[in-house]
Amino acid sequence: GVLISERYLFARHSVVGYRSYMPELRPASPPLPTRDALTGGAFTMDLKAVKAAAARTAGRLHITPLLSSIGAAEALRRSGGPLLGDGRVRLKSEHLQRTGSYKVRGMLNRVTQMVEHFGEEEVRRRGLITFSAGNAAAAYAWAGRQFGAPVHVVMPRSAVPAKIAACESYGATVHLVDGLMGEAGVLKDQLVKELGLFDAHPFDDPYVISGHGTLGLEILDQLPEADVVIGGLGGGGMLCGTAVALRALKPGIRIYGIEPEGSAAVKLAVEAGSIVPVQPKSIADGLGAPYAGSWTLPLAASLLDACITLPDEEILGGLRFLAERCKQVVEPAGAAALAALLFGRVPVSQGDRVVVIVSGGNVDLTRMPEFLDQAKPIPGA
């Protein structure tokens, strides 16, 4: 118990003032873009944009349940952490969303807006392309199919086989590359030129980000008294969009972004004040972005209270806890936020009402024994 309470106090000191009290330690980030690269139109990233996304996608996606875990709150308290509000941790269950992750929120908003702007015929004629480790690709494939638009996706050959199969089942043309997301991006750029496809970015896109922001609207709808929201960071699209809505509606809410130690594109960018390319190395393939984006860097720097990293074995501890105690099957990326909380890395206080975003459930089931084997036990569980 001593170790975790010490770590927990350290988390409080090192993180709690990250946004509010120590801005001078953080270099200025580039300004937020004001145009949508895909259509060339003006774009303002604000609550209005998120509400427009909610209207644009209304009725076509699930409003995912806010599950709760008393066991998670008890484990945190037993390991030296505080007693959370209502004696439970809330789980915003995006692994139960269409396609198995939150990604369809942004991708459906993006594709629907493209159809509004260019016309359905033109989007069908040209088609679109993205690059992704899986969930963004599947979401674009699903969204494109709603309009009969051809979708190409570039994925690393090492992607989870179930994610590749999902893209194909939604009718996408899959291009596999050796290497990681960086290499996938290079081939994507090449195919845009060769085939004249619309270039649909997996995270650095204002309609994708504002679409993900509908998560923030839902969280406050379901739990208006939320004090803390914790979510994973890959390229930052999900949590930055969510934060746009949360900050506008509840300025005092605390928002923490969680990244694997070996794949911390957003944290590194925020600390440098500029985009830092990384070679992601983590079991959490869904958090493996090769860089933060021109939209997500300034949003993360101005809206998140902190970016927090944790090792893969702790992420897998969260995955195991969700399976064993909460009966939820999630992928490593979907477990990172809960893991960071339960391993004492997130500064929470007594009485805080905490919402953890469980972002995706597209796990390679054949690797579950290995994941469970490598999982670090949750302290206090």
Protein backbone atom coordinates (compact mmCIF):
# COMPACT_ATOMS: atom_id res chain seq x y z
CA GLY A 1 0.00 0.00 0.00
CA VAL A 2 2.84 2.42 0.77
CA LEU A 3 4.23 2.48 -2.74
CA ILE A 4 0.93 3.32 -4.36
CA SER A 5 0.03 6.07 -1.91
CA GLU A 6 3.47 7.60 -2.41
CA ARG A 7 3.07 7.40 -6.15
CA TYR A 8 -0.43 8.82 -5.81
CA LEU A 9 0.91 11.85 -3.88
CA PHE A 10 3.63 12.26 -6.49
CA ALA A 11 0.95 12.20 -9.21
CA ARG A 12 -0.89 14.97 -7.39
CA HIS A 13 2.19 17.18 -7.09
CA SER A 14 3.56 16.59 -10.56
CA VAL A 15 0.32 16.74 -12.49
CA VAL A 16 -2.32 18.72 -10.71
CA GLY A 17 -1.01 22.14 -11.65
CA TYR A 18 0.08 21.17 -15.14
CA ARG A 19 -2.50 23.30 -16.91
CA SER A 20 -3.68 25.78 -14.34
CA TYR A 21 -0.66 26.80 -12.29
CA MET A 22 2.42 26.25 -14.41
CA PRO A 23 1.76 27.61 -17.89
CA GLU A 24 5.22 29.20 -17.93
CA LEU A 25 6.82 25.74 -17.98
CA ARG A 26 5.10 24.95 -21.23
CA PRO A 27 6.17 26.47 -24.56
CA ALA A 28 3.48 28.19 -26.60
CA SER A 29 1.81 25.90 -29.12
CA PRO A 30 1.08 26.88 -32.72
CA PRO A 31 -2.30 28.59 -33.14
CA LEU A 32 -5.39 26.52 -33.91
CA PRO A 33 -6.03 26.25 -37.67
CA THR A 34 -9.09 28.10 -38.99
CA ARG A 35 -9.76 26.17 -42.20
CA ASP A 36 -10.81 22.64 -43.06
CA ALA A 37 -8.08 21.29 -45.37
CA LEU A 38 -10.42 18.85 -47.13
CA THR A 39 -13.05 21.36 -48.30
CA GLY A 40 -11.08 24.60 -47.94
CA GLY A 41 -13.94 26.04 -45.89
CA ALA A 42 -13.56 28.15 -42.73
CA PHE A 43 -13.89 26.23 -39.47
CA THR A 44 -14.12 27.33 -35.85
CA MET A 45 -13.46 24.60 -33.28
CA ASP A 46 -15.99 25.29 -30.55
CA LEU A 47 -19.12 23.97 -28.83
CA LYS A 48 -21.22 25.07 -31.80
CA ALA A 49 -19.16 22.78 -34.09
CA VAL A 50 -19.68 19.85 -31.69
CA LYS A 51 -23.43 20.50 -31.51
CA ALA A 52 -23.56 20.65 -35.32
CA ALA A 53 -21.82 17.24 -35.39
CA ALA A 54 -24.38 15.84 -32.94
CA ALA A 55 -27.20 17.08 -35.19
CA ARG A 56 -25.49 15.77 -38.35
CA THR A 57 -25.05 12.24 -36.94
CA ALA A 58 -28.22 12.09 -34.81
CA GLY A 59 -30.02 8.76 -34.74
CA ARG A 60 -27.31 6.90 -36.64
CA LEU A 61 -25.00 5.99 -33.74
CA HIS A 62 -25.45 4.47 -30.29
CA ILE A 63 -25.70 6.62 -27.19
CA THR A 64 -23.36 4.31 -25.27
CA PRO A 65 -24.11 3.42 -21.65
CA LEU A 66 -22.29 4.97 -18.70
CA LEU A 67 -21.52 1.77 -16.79
CA SER A 68 -20.17 1.98 -13.26
CA SER A 69 -17.70 -0.07 -11.25
CA ILE A 70 -17.76 -0.05 -7.47
CA GLY A 71 -14.89 -2.58 -7.50
CA ALA A 72 -12.61 -0.14 -9.36
CA ALA A 73 -13.28 2.60 -6.80
CA GLU A 74 -12.67 0.17 -3.93
CA ALA A 75 -9.38 -1.02 -5.45
CA LEU A 76 -8.17 2.59 -5.72
CA ARG A 77 -9.13 3.32 -2.11
CA ARG A 78 -7.51 0.12 -0.79
CA SER A 79 -4.25 0.96 -2.54
CA GLY A 80 -3.96 4.34 -0.79
CA GLY A 81 -5.99 6.48 -3.17
CA PRO A 82 -9.02 8.56 -2.21
CA LEU A 83 -12.64 7.50 -1.88
CA LEU A 84 -14.27 8.60 -5.13
CA GLY A 85 -17.67 10.28 -5.42
CA ASP A 86 -20.64 7.90 -5.23
CA GLY A 87 -18.11 5.15 -4.38
CA ARG A 88 -17.71 4.16 -8.03
CA VAL A 89 -15.85 4.79 -11.28
CA ARG A 90 -18.00 5.50 -14.32
CA LEU A 91 -17.09 3.82 -17.62
CA LYS A 92 -18.19 5.59 -20.82
CA SER A 93 -18.54 2.45 -22.89
CA GLU A 94 -17.40 3.33 -26.39
CA HIS A 95 -16.29 -0.26 -26.98
CA LEU A 96 -20.04 -0.84 -27.40
CA GLN A 97 -20.30 1.83 -30.13
CA ARG A 98 -20.94 0.92 -33.80
CA THR A 99 -17.77 -0.74 -35.24
CA GLY A 100 -16.49 -1.35 -31.69
CA SER A 101 -14.97 2.07 -31.02
CA TYR A 102 -15.77 5.79 -30.63
CA LYS A 103 -14.25 6.49 -34.06
CA VAL A 104 -17.53 6.39 -35.97
CA ARG A 105 -18.59 9.60 -34.20
CA GLY A 106 -15.95 11.63 -36.00
CA MET A 107 -15.83 9.64 -39.23
CA LEU A 108 -19.59 9.76 -39.82
CA ASN A 109 -19.54 13.52 -39.18
CA ARG A 110 -16.63 13.95 -41.62
CA VAL A 111 -18.11 11.87 -44.43
CA THR A 112 -21.60 13.36 -44.00
CA GLN A 113 -20.13 16.86 -44.21
CA MET A 114 -18.17 15.90 -47.34
CA VAL A 115 -21.41 14.73 -48.93
CA GLU A 116 -23.12 18.01 -47.91
CA HIS A 117 -20.24 20.02 -49.41
CA PHE A 118 -19.25 18.09 -52.56
CA GLY A 119 -22.51 16.23 -53.23
CA GLU A 120 -23.11 12.52 -52.85
CA GLU A 121 -22.32 11.81 -56.51
CA GLU A 122 -18.86 13.40 -56.34
CA VAL A 123 -17.94 11.59 -53.10
CA ARG A 124 -19.09 8.32 -54.66
CA ARG A 125 -17.17 9.01 -57.86
CA ARG A 126 -13.86 9.89 -56.20
CA GLY A 127 -13.95 7.83 -53.02
CA LEU A 128 -11.77 8.48 -49.97
CA ILE A 129 -8.68 7.11 -48.30
CA THR A 130 -7.29 7.06 -44.78
CA PHE A 131 -4.41 5.41 -42.92
CA SER A 132 -4.92 3.67 -39.60
CA ALA A 133 -3.95 0.83 -37.28
CA GLY A 134 -7.54 -0.32 -37.57
CA ASN A 135 -10.32 1.47 -35.71
CA ALA A 136 -10.26 4.69 -37.79
CA ALA A 137 -10.08 2.63 -40.97
CA ALA A 138 -13.08 0.51 -39.97
CA ALA A 139 -15.04 3.63 -38.98
CA TYR A 140 -14.34 5.38 -42.31
CA ALA A 141 -15.23 2.17 -44.17
CA TRP A 142 -18.51 1.99 -42.24
CA ALA A 143 -19.28 5.70 -42.75
CA GLY A 144 -18.42 5.57 -46.48
CA ARG A 145 -20.70 2.58 -46.91
CA GLN A 146 -23.65 4.62 -45.58
CA PHE A 147 -23.36 6.73 -48.75
CA GLY A 148 -22.11 4.06 -51.15
CA ALA A 149 -18.71 5.77 -51.36
CA PRO A 150 -15.61 3.64 -52.06
CA VAL A 151 -13.13 3.69 -49.17
CA HIS A 152 -9.43 2.79 -49.33
CA VAL A 153 -7.49 2.20 -46.13
CA VAL A 154 -3.75 1.83 -45.64
CA MET A 155 -2.80 -0.27 -42.62
CA PRO A 156 0.39 -1.75 -41.22
CA ARG A 157 0.72 -5.44 -42.11
CA SER A 158 1.10 -6.03 -38.36
CA ALA A 159 -2.42 -4.67 -37.64
CA VAL A 160 -4.82 -6.80 -35.60
CA PRO A 161 -6.25 -9.34 -38.10
CA ALA A 162 -9.80 -8.73 -36.81
CA LYS A 163 -9.40 -5.02 -37.60
CA ILE A 164 -8.28 -5.77 -41.16
CA ALA A 165 -11.21 -8.20 -41.56
CA ALA A 166 -13.64 -5.58 -40.22
CA CYS A 167 -12.51 -3.05 -42.86
CA GLU A 168 -12.99 -5.62 -45.60
CA SER A 169 -16.42 -6.60 -44.26
CA TYR A 170 -17.51 -2.94 -44.50
CA GLY A 171 -16.45 -3.00 -48.14
CA ALA A 172 -13.13 -1.13 -47.95
CA THR A 173 -10.11 -1.78 -50.18
CA VAL A 174 -7.25 -2.53 -47.76
CA HIS A 175 -3.61 -1.74 -48.64
CA LEU A 176 -1.10 -3.32 -46.24
CA VAL A 177 2.39 -1.86 -45.69
CA ASP A 178 5.49 -3.13 -43.94
CA GLY A 179 6.34 -0.87 -41.03
CA LEU A 180 4.08 1.28 -38.88
CA MET A 181 1.71 4.23 -39.14
CA GLY A 182 4.42 6.52 -40.54
CA GLU A 183 4.94 4.24 -43.54
CA ALA A 184 1.17 3.86 -43.91
CA GLY A 185 0.89 7.65 -44.17
CA VAL A 186 3.47 7.77 -46.95
CA LEU A 187 1.62 5.19 -49.07
CA LYS A 188 -1.67 6.99 -48.37
CA ASP A 189 -0.23 10.26 -49.77
CA GLN A 190 0.96 8.39 -52.86
CA LEU A 191 -2.47 6.81 -53.47
CA VAL A 192 -4.22 10.18 -53.04
CA LYS A 193 -2.15 11.48 -55.97
CA GLU A 194 -2.47 8.35 -58.12
CA LEU A 195 -6.18 7.66 -57.66
CA GLY A 196 -7.58 11.16 -57.03
CA LEU A 197 -9.15 10.08 -53.73
CA PHE A 198 -10.34 12.45 -51.01
CA ASP A 199 -7.70 12.51 -48.25
CA ALA A 200 -9.57 11.74 -45.01
CA HIS A 201 -7.28 12.07 -42.00
CA PRO A 202 -7.71 9.60 -39.10
CA PHE A 203 -7.40 12.25 -36.35
CA ASP A 204 -6.07 15.63 -37.52
CA ASP A 205 -9.31 16.84 -39.07
CA PRO A 206 -11.77 19.38 -37.64
CA TYR A 207 -14.93 17.42 -38.53
CA VAL A 208 -13.46 14.23 -37.08
CA ILE A 209 -12.48 16.03 -33.85
CA SER A 210 -15.79 17.87 -33.46
CA GLY A 211 -17.62 14.60 -34.18
CA HIS A 212 -15.70 12.91 -31.36
CA GLY A 213 -16.76 15.87 -29.21
CA THR A 214 -20.28 14.42 -29.08
CA LEU A 215 -18.78 12.10 -26.43
CA GLY A 216 -18.38 15.15 -24.17
CA LEU A 217 -22.00 16.17 -24.69
CA GLU A 218 -23.16 12.65 -23.80
CA ILE A 219 -20.97 12.36 -20.71
CA LEU A 220 -22.39 15.56 -19.20
CA ASP A 221 -25.90 14.52 -20.25
CA GLN A 222 -25.48 11.24 -18.41
CA LEU A 223 -23.53 12.62 -15.41
CA PRO A 224 -23.84 16.42 -15.13
CA GLU A 225 -21.90 16.32 -11.86
CA ALA A 226 -18.75 14.76 -13.41
CA ASP A 227 -15.53 16.26 -11.95
CA VAL A 228 -12.86 14.32 -13.85
CA VAL A 229 -12.76 12.73 -17.31
CA ILE A 230 -9.88 10.40 -18.27
CA GLY A 231 -9.28 9.17 -21.81
CA GLY A 232 -6.58 7.72 -24.03
CA LEU A 233 -4.47 9.80 -26.41
CA GLY A 234 -3.23 8.47 -29.75
CA GLY A 235 -3.24 11.39 -32.15
CA GLY A 236 -5.51 13.17 -29.68
CA GLY A 237 -8.69 13.44 -31.77
CA MET A 238 -11.03 11.74 -29.31
CA LEU A 239 -10.01 13.49 -26.12
CA CYS A 240 -9.43 16.90 -27.72
CA GLY A 241 -12.90 16.86 -29.27
CA THR A 242 -14.41 15.66 -26.00
CA ALA A 243 -12.51 18.42 -24.17
CA VAL A 244 -13.88 21.13 -26.50
CA ALA A 245 -17.41 20.21 -25.35
CA LEU A 246 -16.52 19.57 -21.69
CA ARG A 247 -14.60 22.84 -21.19
CA ALA A 248 -17.34 24.91 -22.84
CA LEU A 249 -20.11 23.36 -20.75
CA LYS A 250 -18.21 22.87 -17.47
CA PRO A 251 -15.01 24.99 -17.37
CA GLY A 252 -13.79 23.60 -14.02
CA ILE A 253 -13.86 19.93 -15.07
CA ARG A 254 -10.46 18.16 -15.05
CA ILE A 255 -9.43 16.25 -18.17
CA TYR A 256 -6.47 13.86 -18.25
CA GLY A 257 -5.01 12.23 -21.35
CA ILE A 258 -3.30 8.84 -21.08
CA GLU A 259 -0.54 7.57 -23.40
CA PRO A 260 1.71 4.51 -23.46
CA GLU A 261 5.31 5.28 -22.47
CA GLY A 262 6.49 4.04 -25.85
CA SER A 263 3.94 6.03 -27.84
CA ALA A 264 3.57 9.52 -26.37
CA ALA A 265 3.10 11.73 -29.45
CA VAL A 266 0.79 14.25 -27.76
CA LYS A 267 2.76 14.64 -24.51
CA LEU A 268 6.02 15.14 -26.42
CA ALA A 269 4.40 17.69 -28.74
CA VAL A 270 2.81 19.66 -25.89
CA GLU A 271 6.14 19.72 -24.01
CA ALA A 272 8.04 20.83 -27.12
CA GLY A 273 5.44 23.30 -28.35
CA SER A 274 5.64 21.70 -31.80
CA ILE A 275 4.82 18.41 -33.53
CA VAL A 276 7.33 15.67 -32.66
CA PRO A 277 7.34 12.57 -34.92
CA VAL A 278 7.52 9.32 -32.91
CA GLN A 279 7.97 5.63 -33.71
CA PRO A 280 5.14 4.20 -31.62
CA LYS A 281 6.06 1.10 -29.65
CA SER A 282 3.25 -0.24 -27.48
CA ILE A 283 0.85 -3.13 -27.08
CA ALA A 284 -1.91 -0.49 -27.38
CA ASP A 285 -1.97 -0.29 -31.19
CA GLY A 286 -5.02 1.99 -31.01
CA LEU A 287 -2.88 4.67 -29.31
CA GLY A 288 -0.04 4.39 -31.83
CA ALA A 289 -0.19 7.73 -33.66
CA PRO A 290 3.06 8.77 -35.40
CA TYR A 291 2.57 12.42 -34.38
CA ALA A 292 0.11 14.82 -32.76
CA GLY A 293 -1.76 16.91 -35.33
CA SER A 294 -1.99 20.58 -36.25
CA TRP A 295 -5.45 20.66 -34.62
CA THR A 296 -4.83 18.30 -31.71
CA LEU A 297 -1.57 19.87 -30.47
CA PRO A 298 -3.01 23.34 -29.71
CA LEU A 299 -6.23 21.78 -28.37
CA ALA A 300 -4.36 19.38 -26.06
CA ALA A 301 -2.07 22.17 -24.83
CA SER A 302 -4.94 24.50 -24.00
CA LEU A 303 -7.69 22.10 -22.86
CA LEU A 304 -6.13 19.09 -21.11
CA ASP A 305 -4.97 19.25 -17.50
CA ALA A 306 -2.15 16.80 -18.19
CA CYS A 307 -0.79 14.09 -20.46
CA ILE A 308 0.18 11.07 -18.37
CA THR A 309 2.13 8.02 -19.56
CA LEU A 310 2.17 4.44 -18.28
CA PRO A 311 3.93 1.18 -19.23
CA ASP A 312 2.30 -1.56 -21.28
CA GLU A 313 2.08 -4.05 -18.39
CA GLU A 314 -0.12 -1.56 -16.48
CA ILE A 315 -2.32 -1.04 -19.56
CA LEU A 316 -2.78 -4.82 -19.68
CA GLY A 317 -3.57 -4.79 -15.94
CA GLY A 318 -6.47 -2.49 -16.81
CA LEU A 319 -7.54 -4.80 -19.64
CA ARG A 320 -7.53 -7.74 -17.25
CA PHE A 321 -9.50 -5.84 -14.59
CA LEU A 322 -12.14 -4.85 -17.15
CA ALA A 323 -12.50 -8.47 -18.31
CA GLU A 324 -12.36 -10.13 -14.91
CA ARG A 325 -14.20 -7.65 -12.70
CA CYS A 326 -16.35 -5.57 -15.06
CA LYS A 327 -17.06 -8.36 -17.59
CA GLN A 328 -16.08 -6.07 -20.47
CA VAL A 329 -13.89 -7.25 -23.36
CA VAL A 330 -11.73 -4.33 -24.50
CA GLU A 331 -8.56 -3.78 -26.49
CA PRO A 332 -5.41 -2.47 -24.77
CA ALA A 333 -6.01 1.10 -25.98
CA GLY A 334 -9.49 0.97 -24.46
CA ALA A 335 -8.10 -0.05 -21.06
CA ALA A 336 -5.30 2.53 -20.75
CA ALA A 337 -7.38 5.26 -19.08
CA LEU A 338 -8.78 3.00 -16.35
CA ALA A 339 -5.32 1.48 -15.83
CA ALA A 340 -3.77 4.92 -15.25
CA LEU A 341 -6.41 5.66 -12.61
CA LEU A 342 -6.06 2.31 -10.82
CA PHE A 343 -2.25 2.44 -10.81
CA GLY A 344 -2.36 5.78 -9.02
CA ARG A 345 -1.11 7.89 -11.91
CA VAL A 346 -4.06 10.28 -12.12
CA PRO A 347 -4.48 13.02 -9.48
CA VAL A 348 -8.00 12.47 -8.15
CA SER A 349 -9.35 13.78 -4.86
CA GLN A 350 -11.84 12.53 -2.31
CA GLY A 351 -15.39 12.81 -3.60
CA ASP A 352 -14.39 13.30 -7.26
CA ARG A 353 -16.91 11.86 -9.68
CA VAL A 354 -14.71 10.21 -12.26
CA VAL A 355 -15.60 9.16 -15.80
CA VAL A 356 -13.18 6.89 -17.68
CA ILE A 357 -13.62 6.59 -21.45
CA VAL A 358 -13.35 2.95 -22.55
CA SER A 359 -12.55 3.80 -26.14
CA GLY A 360 -12.54 0.52 -28.03
CA GLY A 361 -13.08 -3.22 -27.90
CA ASN A 362 -11.48 -4.52 -31.08
CA VAL A 363 -9.01 -6.84 -29.43
CA ASP A 364 -7.19 -9.75 -31.07
CA LEU A 365 -8.82 -12.54 -29.03
CA THR A 366 -6.08 -15.02 -29.92
CA ARG A 367 -3.64 -12.82 -27.96
CA MET A 368 -5.79 -12.64 -24.82
CA PRO A 369 -3.83 -15.37 -22.96
CA GLU A 370 -0.60 -13.46 -23.61
CA PHE A 371 -2.18 -10.15 -22.55
CA LEU A 372 -3.55 -11.64 -19.33
CA ASP A 373 -0.20 -13.26 -18.63
CA GLN A 374 1.73 -9.99 -19.03
CA ALA A 375 -0.79 -7.94 -17.05
CA LYS A 376 0.51 -6.30 -13.90
CA PRO A 377 -1.89 -6.94 -10.99
CA ILE A 378 -3.97 -3.91 -10.02
CA PRO A 379 -2.90 -2.75 -6.53
CA GLY A 380 -5.78 -3.12 -4.09
CA ALA A 381 -7.85 -5.28 -6.45
